[in-house]
Amino acid sequence: MAKLIDKILGSSVKSTTSADDYTEIDLSKYEEVMEDEPAETYIKIAEVTNISQVAVLKQEIYNGNILVIDIANIKGDDLMRDRVLKELKDVIVDVHGDIAGVKGNTVIVTPTGVKIDRSKIIGGRY
């Protein structure tokens, strides 16, 4: 009887998932570069490891680009992290852009005319 119930309702014993159960998705076919089509605004991916890199990031914001910045390398250094974020915040105030943290190690910085909506879309709804 227990086997019949397990078959109908599923076993109460949870099966473990291994790395072999997952499939890697190749996104390269979706990442086609359109070099012949310039844009006014680019979304650029950056990583900060020291304060000297902030000048380049600030210039990108002044140029009107959106930055997705990985701050994982400086997250443990409170002084460096605070200094980098203050420098970015100063630029945002200057250009009337926006800045927001995402998932702890990522910061999104936007230029003039672009604001970050902090509400989350889940299942097609806010």
N, C-alpha and C. Protein backbone atom coordinates (compact mmCIF):
# COMPACT_ATOMS: atom_id res chain seq x y z
N MET A 1 0.82 -1.19 0.00
CA MET A 1 0.00 0.00 0.00
C MET A 1 0.87 1.26 0.00
N ALA A 2 1.95 1.26 0.80
CA ALA A 2 2.83 2.42 0.88
C ALA A 2 3.47 2.72 -0.48
N LYS A 3 3.82 1.66 -1.22
CA LYS A 3 4.42 1.86 -2.54
C LYS A 3 3.43 2.49 -3.50
N LEU A 4 2.17 2.11 -3.41
CA LEU A 4 1.13 2.67 -4.27
C LEU A 4 0.93 4.15 -3.96
N ILE A 5 0.90 4.49 -2.68
CA ILE A 5 0.74 5.89 -2.27
C ILE A 5 1.95 6.71 -2.72
N ASP A 6 3.16 6.15 -2.55
CA ASP A 6 4.37 6.84 -3.01
C ASP A 6 4.33 7.07 -4.51
N LYS A 7 3.83 6.11 -5.26
CA LYS A 7 3.73 6.24 -6.71
C LYS A 7 2.75 7.34 -7.11
N ILE A 8 1.63 7.43 -6.41
CA ILE A 8 0.60 8.41 -6.74
C ILE A 8 0.99 9.80 -6.25
N LEU A 9 1.40 9.90 -5.01
CA LEU A 9 1.68 11.20 -4.41
C LEU A 9 3.15 11.59 -4.46
N GLY A 10 3.99 10.69 -4.83
CA GLY A 10 5.42 10.95 -4.81
C GLY A 10 5.99 10.52 -3.49
N SER A 11 7.21 10.14 -3.52
CA SER A 11 7.87 9.66 -2.31
C SER A 11 8.10 10.80 -1.34
N SER A 12 8.00 10.52 -0.07
CA SER A 12 8.26 11.53 0.95
C SER A 12 9.76 11.71 1.16
N VAL A 13 10.57 10.83 0.58
CA VAL A 13 12.01 10.93 0.68
C VAL A 13 12.50 11.85 -0.42
N LYS A 14 13.18 12.90 -0.05
CA LYS A 14 13.70 13.86 -1.02
C LYS A 14 14.94 13.28 -1.68
N SER A 15 14.98 13.39 -3.00
CA SER A 15 16.17 12.93 -3.69
C SER A 15 17.18 14.07 -3.73
N THR A 16 18.46 13.73 -3.74
CA THR A 16 19.49 14.75 -3.78
C THR A 16 19.79 15.09 -5.23
N THR A 17 20.21 16.30 -5.45
CA THR A 17 20.53 16.76 -6.78
C THR A 17 22.04 16.86 -6.90
N SER A 18 22.57 16.35 -7.99
CA SER A 18 24.01 16.42 -8.20
C SER A 18 24.31 17.35 -9.37
N ALA A 19 25.56 17.66 -9.56
CA ALA A 19 25.98 18.54 -10.66
C ALA A 19 25.62 17.94 -12.01
N ASP A 20 25.54 16.62 -12.09
CA ASP A 20 25.19 15.96 -13.35
C ASP A 20 23.73 16.20 -13.74
N ASP A 21 22.90 16.62 -12.79
CA ASP A 21 21.49 16.88 -13.06
C ASP A 21 21.26 18.21 -13.77
N TYR A 22 22.28 19.06 -13.83
CA TYR A 22 22.16 20.38 -14.44
C TYR A 22 22.75 20.39 -15.83
N THR A 23 22.22 21.24 -16.68
CA THR A 23 22.72 21.41 -18.03
C THR A 23 23.24 22.83 -18.17
N GLU A 24 24.44 22.96 -18.73
CA GLU A 24 24.98 24.29 -18.96
C GLU A 24 24.35 24.87 -20.21
N ILE A 25 23.95 26.12 -20.12
CA ILE A 25 23.30 26.78 -21.24
C ILE A 25 24.33 27.64 -21.96
N ASP A 26 24.44 27.46 -23.26
CA ASP A 26 25.36 28.25 -24.07
C ASP A 26 24.63 29.50 -24.54
N LEU A 27 25.01 30.64 -23.97
CA LEU A 27 24.36 31.90 -24.31
C LEU A 27 25.08 32.65 -25.43
N SER A 28 26.13 32.09 -25.99
CA SER A 28 26.93 32.79 -26.98
C SER A 28 26.12 33.18 -28.21
N LYS A 29 25.14 32.37 -28.60
CA LYS A 29 24.35 32.72 -29.78
C LYS A 29 23.46 33.93 -29.54
N TYR A 30 23.24 34.30 -28.27
CA TYR A 30 22.43 35.48 -27.94
C TYR A 30 23.29 36.71 -27.70
N GLU A 31 24.59 36.53 -27.67
CA GLU A 31 25.51 37.62 -27.36
C GLU A 31 26.19 38.17 -28.61
N GLU A 32 25.50 38.18 -29.70
CA GLU A 32 26.05 38.68 -30.95
C GLU A 32 26.36 40.17 -30.82
N VAL A 33 27.54 40.55 -31.27
CA VAL A 33 27.96 41.94 -31.19
C VAL A 33 27.56 42.65 -32.48
N MET A 34 26.89 43.78 -32.34
CA MET A 34 26.47 44.58 -33.49
C MET A 34 27.38 45.80 -33.58
N GLU A 35 28.60 45.61 -34.07
CA GLU A 35 29.58 46.68 -34.09
C GLU A 35 29.21 47.79 -35.06
N ASP A 36 28.44 47.50 -36.09
CA ASP A 36 28.08 48.50 -37.08
C ASP A 36 26.94 49.40 -36.61
N GLU A 37 26.38 49.11 -35.46
CA GLU A 37 25.25 49.87 -34.96
C GLU A 37 25.61 50.60 -33.67
N PRO A 38 26.10 51.83 -33.79
CA PRO A 38 26.46 52.57 -32.57
C PRO A 38 25.22 52.94 -31.77
N ALA A 39 25.41 53.17 -30.49
CA ALA A 39 24.30 53.52 -29.61
C ALA A 39 24.66 54.77 -28.81
N GLU A 40 23.65 55.46 -28.34
CA GLU A 40 23.89 56.62 -27.48
C GLU A 40 24.33 56.19 -26.10
N THR A 41 23.76 55.07 -25.61
CA THR A 41 24.06 54.58 -24.27
C THR A 41 24.44 53.11 -24.34
N TYR A 42 25.49 52.77 -23.62
CA TYR A 42 25.92 51.38 -23.51
C TYR A 42 25.78 50.94 -22.06
N ILE A 43 25.51 49.66 -21.87
CA ILE A 43 25.56 49.06 -20.54
C ILE A 43 26.92 48.38 -20.47
N LYS A 44 27.74 48.83 -19.53
CA LYS A 44 29.10 48.30 -19.43
C LYS A 44 29.27 47.57 -18.10
N ILE A 45 29.99 46.47 -18.17
CA ILE A 45 30.28 45.64 -17.01
C ILE A 45 31.67 46.03 -16.51
N ALA A 46 31.80 46.27 -15.20
CA ALA A 46 33.08 46.69 -14.64
C ALA A 46 33.34 45.93 -13.34
N GLU A 47 34.59 45.96 -12.95
CA GLU A 47 35.01 45.34 -11.69
C GLU A 47 35.98 46.31 -11.02
N VAL A 48 35.79 46.55 -9.75
CA VAL A 48 36.67 47.46 -9.01
C VAL A 48 37.55 46.65 -8.07
N THR A 49 38.86 46.89 -8.18
CA THR A 49 39.79 46.26 -7.26
C THR A 49 40.59 47.29 -6.47
N ASN A 50 40.62 48.56 -6.98
CA ASN A 50 41.30 49.62 -6.24
C ASN A 50 40.73 50.99 -6.62
N ILE A 51 41.07 51.98 -5.86
CA ILE A 51 40.51 53.33 -6.01
C ILE A 51 40.92 53.99 -7.32
N SER A 52 42.05 53.62 -7.88
CA SER A 52 42.52 54.26 -9.11
C SER A 52 41.62 53.96 -10.30
N GLN A 53 40.80 52.94 -10.22
CA GLN A 53 39.90 52.59 -11.32
C GLN A 53 38.65 53.47 -11.35
N VAL A 54 38.40 54.20 -10.29
CA VAL A 54 37.18 55.00 -10.20
C VAL A 54 37.15 56.11 -11.25
N ALA A 55 38.30 56.67 -11.60
CA ALA A 55 38.34 57.75 -12.60
C ALA A 55 37.76 57.28 -13.93
N VAL A 56 38.09 56.07 -14.35
CA VAL A 56 37.57 55.52 -15.60
C VAL A 56 36.07 55.30 -15.50
N LEU A 57 35.60 54.80 -14.36
CA LEU A 57 34.17 54.58 -14.16
C LEU A 57 33.41 55.90 -14.19
N LYS A 58 33.95 56.91 -13.55
CA LYS A 58 33.31 58.23 -13.54
C LYS A 58 33.19 58.77 -14.96
N GLN A 59 34.24 58.60 -15.76
CA GLN A 59 34.20 59.09 -17.14
C GLN A 59 33.12 58.37 -17.94
N GLU A 60 32.95 57.08 -17.70
CA GLU A 60 31.90 56.32 -18.39
C GLU A 60 30.53 56.87 -18.05
N ILE A 61 30.32 57.25 -16.81
CA ILE A 61 29.03 57.82 -16.38
C ILE A 61 28.82 59.17 -17.05
N TYR A 62 29.88 60.00 -17.05
CA TYR A 62 29.78 61.30 -17.72
C TYR A 62 29.51 61.14 -19.22
N ASN A 63 30.00 60.04 -19.80
CA ASN A 63 29.76 59.77 -21.22
C ASN A 63 28.35 59.25 -21.48
N GLY A 64 27.57 59.02 -20.42
CA GLY A 64 26.18 58.60 -20.58
C GLY A 64 25.95 57.11 -20.57
N ASN A 65 26.92 56.35 -20.10
CA ASN A 65 26.78 54.90 -20.07
C ASN A 65 26.26 54.40 -18.72
N ILE A 66 25.64 53.24 -18.75
CA ILE A 66 25.15 52.57 -17.55
C ILE A 66 26.21 51.55 -17.14
N LEU A 67 26.55 51.53 -15.87
CA LEU A 67 27.58 50.61 -15.38
C LEU A 67 26.99 49.58 -14.44
N VAL A 68 27.40 48.34 -14.62
CA VAL A 68 27.10 47.26 -13.70
C VAL A 68 28.46 46.88 -13.11
N ILE A 69 28.66 47.25 -11.85
CA ILE A 69 29.99 47.17 -11.24
C ILE A 69 30.04 46.08 -10.17
N ASP A 70 31.00 45.18 -10.32
CA ASP A 70 31.26 44.14 -9.33
C ASP A 70 32.20 44.72 -8.28
N ILE A 71 31.74 44.80 -7.03
CA ILE A 71 32.57 45.35 -5.95
C ILE A 71 33.03 44.27 -4.98
N ALA A 72 32.94 43.01 -5.38
CA ALA A 72 33.28 41.90 -4.49
C ALA A 72 34.71 41.98 -3.99
N ASN A 73 35.64 42.45 -4.83
CA ASN A 73 37.05 42.51 -4.43
C ASN A 73 37.34 43.57 -3.38
N ILE A 74 36.48 44.56 -3.24
CA ILE A 74 36.72 45.60 -2.23
C ILE A 74 35.69 45.57 -1.11
N LYS A 75 34.78 44.63 -1.17
CA LYS A 75 33.71 44.59 -0.18
C LYS A 75 34.22 44.41 1.25
N GLY A 76 35.30 43.68 1.42
CA GLY A 76 35.85 43.42 2.75
C GLY A 76 36.62 44.60 3.32
N ASP A 77 37.02 45.54 2.46
CA ASP A 77 37.77 46.71 2.89
C ASP A 77 36.79 47.88 3.02
N ASP A 78 36.28 48.10 4.23
CA ASP A 78 35.24 49.11 4.45
C ASP A 78 35.65 50.49 3.97
N LEU A 79 36.88 50.88 4.23
CA LEU A 79 37.36 52.21 3.85
C LEU A 79 37.37 52.35 2.32
N MET A 80 37.93 51.37 1.64
CA MET A 80 38.00 51.42 0.16
C MET A 80 36.59 51.39 -0.44
N ARG A 81 35.75 50.49 0.06
CA ARG A 81 34.38 50.37 -0.47
C ARG A 81 33.62 51.69 -0.30
N ASP A 82 33.69 52.26 0.89
CA ASP A 82 32.99 53.51 1.16
C ASP A 82 33.52 54.65 0.30
N ARG A 83 34.81 54.68 0.10
CA ARG A 83 35.42 55.74 -0.72
C ARG A 83 34.99 55.60 -2.19
N VAL A 84 35.02 54.39 -2.72
CA VAL A 84 34.60 54.15 -4.10
C VAL A 84 33.13 54.53 -4.28
N LEU A 85 32.28 54.07 -3.37
CA LEU A 85 30.85 54.36 -3.49
C LEU A 85 30.57 55.86 -3.33
N LYS A 86 31.32 56.54 -2.47
CA LYS A 86 31.15 57.99 -2.32
C LYS A 86 31.52 58.71 -3.61
N GLU A 87 32.62 58.30 -4.22
CA GLU A 87 33.05 58.91 -5.49
C GLU A 87 31.97 58.71 -6.56
N LEU A 88 31.41 57.51 -6.64
CA LEU A 88 30.35 57.24 -7.62
C LEU A 88 29.10 58.04 -7.31
N LYS A 89 28.76 58.12 -6.03
CA LYS A 89 27.57 58.89 -5.61
C LYS A 89 27.73 60.36 -5.97
N ASP A 90 28.94 60.92 -5.81
CA ASP A 90 29.19 62.31 -6.16
C ASP A 90 28.93 62.56 -7.65
N VAL A 91 29.34 61.63 -8.50
CA VAL A 91 29.10 61.76 -9.93
C VAL A 91 27.61 61.69 -10.22
N ILE A 92 26.92 60.78 -9.56
CA ILE A 92 25.47 60.61 -9.76
C ILE A 92 24.73 61.90 -9.39
N VAL A 93 25.13 62.51 -8.30
CA VAL A 93 24.51 63.77 -7.89
C VAL A 93 24.78 64.84 -8.95
N ASP A 94 26.00 64.86 -9.47
CA ASP A 94 26.40 65.85 -10.47
C ASP A 94 25.61 65.71 -11.78
N VAL A 95 25.37 64.47 -12.22
CA VAL A 95 24.68 64.26 -13.51
C VAL A 95 23.20 63.95 -13.36
N HIS A 96 22.70 63.90 -12.13
CA HIS A 96 21.31 63.54 -11.85
C HIS A 96 20.97 62.13 -12.33
N GLY A 97 21.89 61.21 -12.07
CA GLY A 97 21.68 59.81 -12.42
C GLY A 97 21.15 59.05 -11.21
N ASP A 98 21.53 57.78 -11.10
CA ASP A 98 21.05 56.95 -10.00
C ASP A 98 22.07 55.87 -9.69
N ILE A 99 22.01 55.34 -8.48
CA ILE A 99 22.91 54.27 -8.06
C ILE A 99 22.12 53.34 -7.13
N ALA A 100 22.32 52.03 -7.30
CA ALA A 100 21.64 51.06 -6.44
C ALA A 100 22.47 49.79 -6.34
N GLY A 101 22.42 49.18 -5.16
CA GLY A 101 23.09 47.91 -4.95
C GLY A 101 22.16 46.77 -5.33
N VAL A 102 22.76 45.71 -5.89
CA VAL A 102 22.00 44.53 -6.29
C VAL A 102 22.73 43.29 -5.78
N LYS A 103 22.06 42.46 -5.01
CA LYS A 103 22.61 41.18 -4.54
C LYS A 103 23.95 41.29 -3.81
N GLY A 104 24.21 42.37 -3.12
CA GLY A 104 25.37 42.45 -2.25
C GLY A 104 26.70 42.80 -2.88
N ASN A 105 27.04 42.24 -4.04
CA ASN A 105 28.34 42.49 -4.65
C ASN A 105 28.26 43.30 -5.93
N THR A 106 27.09 43.73 -6.32
CA THR A 106 26.93 44.45 -7.58
C THR A 106 26.26 45.79 -7.34
N VAL A 107 26.77 46.80 -8.03
CA VAL A 107 26.20 48.14 -7.97
C VAL A 107 25.87 48.55 -9.40
N ILE A 108 24.69 49.11 -9.59
CA ILE A 108 24.30 49.64 -10.90
C ILE A 108 24.33 51.15 -10.79
N VAL A 109 24.99 51.78 -11.77
CA VAL A 109 25.11 53.23 -11.79
C VAL A 109 24.59 53.73 -13.14
N THR A 110 23.69 54.72 -13.10
CA THR A 110 23.09 55.22 -14.33
C THR A 110 23.40 56.70 -14.53
N PRO A 111 23.41 57.14 -15.78
CA PRO A 111 23.69 58.54 -16.09
C PRO A 111 22.42 59.40 -16.07
N THR A 112 22.53 60.60 -16.56
CA THR A 112 21.42 61.54 -16.67
C THR A 112 20.23 60.91 -17.38
N GLY A 113 19.05 61.10 -16.82
CA GLY A 113 17.83 60.65 -17.48
C GLY A 113 17.48 59.19 -17.29
N VAL A 114 18.28 58.43 -16.54
CA VAL A 114 17.98 57.02 -16.30
C VAL A 114 17.89 56.79 -14.80
N LYS A 115 16.74 56.32 -14.35
CA LYS A 115 16.53 56.02 -12.93
C LYS A 115 16.35 54.52 -12.76
N ILE A 116 16.66 54.03 -11.60
CA ILE A 116 16.55 52.61 -11.28
C ILE A 116 15.27 52.38 -10.50
N ASP A 117 14.40 51.53 -11.01
CA ASP A 117 13.16 51.17 -10.31
C ASP A 117 13.52 50.07 -9.31
N ARG A 118 13.32 50.32 -8.05
CA ARG A 118 13.73 49.38 -7.01
C ARG A 118 12.70 48.31 -6.70
N SER A 119 11.55 48.35 -7.37
CA SER A 119 10.57 47.27 -7.16
C SER A 119 10.96 46.07 -8.03
N LYS A 120 10.63 44.90 -7.55
CA LYS A 120 11.04 43.67 -8.22
C LYS A 120 9.87 43.09 -9.00
N ILE A 121 10.13 42.69 -10.24
CA ILE A 121 9.11 42.05 -11.07
C ILE A 121 9.23 40.55 -10.84
N ILE A 122 8.17 39.96 -10.32
CA ILE A 122 8.17 38.52 -10.03
C ILE A 122 6.99 37.90 -10.77
N GLY A 123 7.28 36.99 -11.66
CA GLY A 123 6.20 36.31 -12.40
C GLY A 123 5.35 37.25 -13.22
N GLY A 124 5.97 38.31 -13.75
CA GLY A 124 5.25 39.27 -14.56
C GLY A 124 4.50 40.32 -13.79
N ARG A 125 4.63 40.31 -12.45
CA ARG A 125 3.95 41.30 -11.61
C ARG A 125 4.94 41.98 -10.70
N TYR A 126 4.57 43.16 -10.25
CA TYR A 126 5.40 43.90 -9.28
C TYR A 126 5.04 43.47 -7.89
